[in-house]
C-alpha atoms as a PDB file:
ATOM      1  CA  MET A   1     -11.414  27.664  52.662  1.00  0.00           C
ATOM      2  CA  ILE A   2      -9.159  26.159  50.007  1.00  0.00           C
ATOM      3  CA  PRO A   3      -7.742  22.735  50.959  1.00  0.00           C
ATOM      4  CA  LEU A   4      -4.010  22.450  51.623  1.00  0.00           C
ATOM      5  CA  GLN A   5      -3.611  19.916  48.821  1.00  0.00           C
ATOM      6  CA  TYR A   6      -4.460  22.555  46.195  1.00  0.00           C
ATOM      7  CA  TYR A   7      -1.677  24.808  47.446  1.00  0.00           C
ATOM      8  CA  LEU A   8       0.748  21.895  47.445  1.00  0.00           C
ATOM      9  CA  ILE A   9      -0.231  20.896  43.900  1.00  0.00           C
ATOM     10  CA  ALA A  10       0.296  24.459  42.659  1.00  0.00           C
ATOM     11  CA  SER A  11       3.610  24.662  44.495  1.00  0.00           C
ATOM     12  CA  THR A  12       4.756  21.324  43.083  1.00  0.00           C
ATOM     13  CA  ALA A  13       3.845  22.435  39.563  1.00  0.00           C
ATOM     14  CA  LEU A  14       5.828  25.668  39.961  1.00  0.00           C
ATOM     15  CA  LEU A  15       8.778  23.793  41.430  1.00  0.00           C
ATOM     16  CA  SER A  16       8.745  21.245  38.596  1.00  0.00           C
ATOM     17  CA  VAL A  17       8.614  23.906  35.889  1.00  0.00           C
ATOM     18  CA  GLY A  18      11.389  25.844  37.642  1.00  0.00           C
ATOM     19  CA  ILE A  19      13.697  22.841  37.953  1.00  0.00           C
ATOM     20  CA  PHE A  20      13.007  21.871  34.346  1.00  0.00           C
ATOM     21  CA  GLY A  21      13.865  25.408  33.250  1.00  0.00           C
ATOM     22  CA  VAL A  22      17.105  25.508  35.223  1.00  0.00           C
ATOM     23  CA  LEU A  23      18.240  22.173  33.834  1.00  0.00           C
ATOM     24  CA  THR A  24      17.303  22.691  30.173  1.00  0.00           C
ATOM     25  CA  ARG A  25      17.717  26.395  29.354  1.00  0.00           C
ATOM     26  CA  LYS A  26      20.868  27.843  27.850  1.00  0.00           C
ATOM     27  CA  HIS A  27      20.109  31.543  28.228  1.00  0.00           C
ATOM     28  CA  VAL A  28      21.049  33.079  31.578  1.00  0.00           C
ATOM     29  CA  ILE A  29      17.918  35.256  31.857  1.00  0.00           C
ATOM     30  CA  GLN A  30      15.689  32.203  31.409  1.00  0.00           C
ATOM     31  CA  ILE A  31      17.618  30.392  34.124  1.00  0.00           C
ATOM     32  CA  LEU A  32      17.123  33.338  36.496  1.00  0.00           C
ATOM     33  CA  LEU A  33      13.393  33.301  35.766  1.00  0.00           C
ATOM     34  CA  SER A  34      13.305  29.572  36.499  1.00  0.00           C
ATOM     35  CA  VAL A  35      14.994  30.164  39.850  1.00  0.00           C
ATOM     36  CA  GLU A  36      12.296  32.775  40.540  1.00  0.00           C
ATOM     37  CA  LEU A  37       9.647  30.111  39.916  1.00  0.00           C
ATOM     38  CA  ILE A  38      11.367  27.839  42.435  1.00  0.00           C
ATOM     39  CA  LEU A  39      11.413  30.630  45.031  1.00  0.00           C
ATOM     40  CA  ASN A  40       7.716  31.314  44.377  1.00  0.00           C
ATOM     41  CA  ALA A  41       6.969  27.645  45.032  1.00  0.00           C
ATOM     42  CA  VAL A  42       8.778  27.912  48.360  1.00  0.00           C
ATOM     43  CA  THR A  43       6.803  31.046  49.214  1.00  0.00           C
ATOM     44  CA  ILE A  44       3.496  29.307  48.494  1.00  0.00           C
ATOM     45  CA  ASN A  45       4.504  26.460  50.800  1.00  0.00           C
ATOM     46  CA  PHE A  46       5.454  28.844  53.624  1.00  0.00           C
ATOM     47  CA  VAL A  47       2.156  30.697  53.452  1.00  0.00           C
ATOM     48  CA  ALA A  48      -0.004  27.591  52.994  1.00  0.00           C
ATOM     49  CA  PHE A  49       1.508  25.690  55.904  1.00  0.00           C
ATOM     50  CA  SER A  50       1.389  28.774  58.072  1.00  0.00           C
ATOM     51  CA  LEU A  51      -2.320  29.173  57.374  1.00  0.00           C
ATOM     52  CA  TYR A  52      -3.082  25.550  58.183  1.00  0.00           C
ATOM     53  CA  ILE A  53      -0.771  24.901  61.133  1.00  0.00           C
ATOM     54  CA  ILE A  54      -0.841  28.180  63.081  1.00  0.00           C
ATOM     55  CA  PRO A  55      -3.572  30.407  61.596  1.00  0.00           C
ATOM     56  CA  GLU A  56      -3.301  33.010  64.393  1.00  0.00           C
ATOM     57  CA  ARG A  57       0.357  33.847  63.779  1.00  0.00           C
ATOM     58  CA  PRO A  58       1.656  35.107  60.399  1.00  0.00           C
ATOM     59  CA  ILE A  59       4.957  33.203  60.540  1.00  0.00           C
ATOM     60  CA  GLY A  60       4.713  31.953  56.955  1.00  0.00           C
ATOM     61  CA  GLN A  61       3.965  35.430  55.661  1.00  0.00           C
ATOM     62  CA  VAL A  62       7.059  36.790  57.409  1.00  0.00           C
ATOM     63  CA  PHE A  63       9.215  34.098  55.812  1.00  0.00           C
ATOM     64  CA  ALA A  64       7.557  34.851  52.459  1.00  0.00           C
ATOM     65  CA  ILE A  65       8.582  38.504  52.769  1.00  0.00           C
ATOM     66  CA  PHE A  66      12.167  37.392  53.434  1.00  0.00           C
ATOM     67  CA  VAL A  67      12.082  35.104  50.381  1.00  0.00           C
ATOM     68  CA  ILE A  68      10.731  37.927  48.201  1.00  0.00           C
ATOM     69  CA  THR A  69      13.460  40.260  49.506  1.00  0.00           C
ATOM     70  CA  PHE A  70      16.109  37.632  48.793  1.00  0.00           C
ATOM     71  CA  ALA A  71      14.700  37.105  45.294  1.00  0.00           C
ATOM     72  CA  ALA A  72      14.828  40.837  44.560  1.00  0.00           C
ATOM     73  CA  ALA A  73      18.436  41.036  45.731  1.00  0.00           C
ATOM     74  CA  LYS A  74      19.323  37.956  43.685  1.00  0.00           C
ATOM     75  CA  VAL A  75      17.821  39.462  40.566  1.00  0.00           C
ATOM     76  CA  GLY A  76      19.718  42.710  41.067  1.00  0.00           C
ATOM     77  CA  VAL A  77      23.073  41.004  41.529  1.00  0.00           C
ATOM     78  CA  GLY A  78      22.374  38.427  38.822  1.00  0.00           C
ATOM     79  CA  LEU A  79      21.429  41.026  36.242  1.00  0.00           C
ATOM     80  CA  ALA A  80      24.510  43.083  37.081  1.00  0.00           C
ATOM     81  CA  ILE A  81      26.705  40.035  36.509  1.00  0.00           C
ATOM     82  CA  ILE A  82      24.871  39.170  33.294  1.00  0.00           C
ATOM     83  CA  LEU A  83      25.260  42.722  31.991  1.00  0.00           C
ATOM     84  CA  ALA A  84      28.988  42.668  32.768  1.00  0.00           C
ATOM     85  CA  ILE A  85      29.406  39.349  30.945  1.00  0.00           C
ATOM     86  CA  TYR A  86      27.290  40.527  28.034  1.00  0.00           C
ATOM     87  CA  LYS A  87      29.359  43.695  27.788  1.00  0.00           C
ATOM     88  CA  SER A  88      32.575  41.717  27.372  1.00  0.00           C
ATOM     89  CA  LEU A  89      31.339  38.695  25.371  1.00  0.00           C
ATOM     90  CA  ARG A  90      28.264  40.088  23.558  1.00  0.00           C
ATOM     91  CA  THR A  91      26.293  36.973  24.486  1.00  0.00           C
ATOM     92  CA  ALA A  92      24.262  35.648  27.400  1.00  0.00           C
ATOM     93  CA  ASN A  93      24.482  31.990  26.426  1.00  0.00           C
ATOM     94  CA  ILE A  94      25.645  29.589  29.133  1.00  0.00           C
ATOM     95  CA  GLU A  95      27.894  27.646  26.754  1.00  0.00           C
ATOM     96  CA  ASP A  96      29.812  30.797  25.819  1.00  0.00           C
ATOM     97  CA  ILE A  97      30.117  31.911  29.434  1.00  0.00           C
ATOM     98  CA  ARG A  98      31.752  28.589  30.333  1.00  0.00           C
ATOM     99  CA  LEU A  99      34.700  29.674  28.185  1.00  0.00           C
ATOM    100  CA  LEU A 100      35.598  32.149  30.956  1.00  0.00           C
ATOM    101  CA  LYS A 101      36.814  29.292  33.176  1.00  0.00           C
ATOM    102  CA  TRP A 102      40.532  29.113  33.838  1.00  0.00           C
END
């Protein structure tokens, strides 16, 4: 059985890369992918702690399915918004999208 620390290290690495991507990227698609990495880190934590705390009950796996469903819905809505902005501005750069503020 894989120790819990390995799962936590992998989750921390994914979370760090995701936060770095959200804070430093200027393209909206790259920011959405970074948010996906953050959600994957959360999913790993749910499953790992579920396996080590209550191995008989799949509580972490159920939460992971909810996180995956939320991520799929987020991607659908996010891409629709990005396509609408790209259609009007012909760019997906965050700096250009900020010009839409009142």
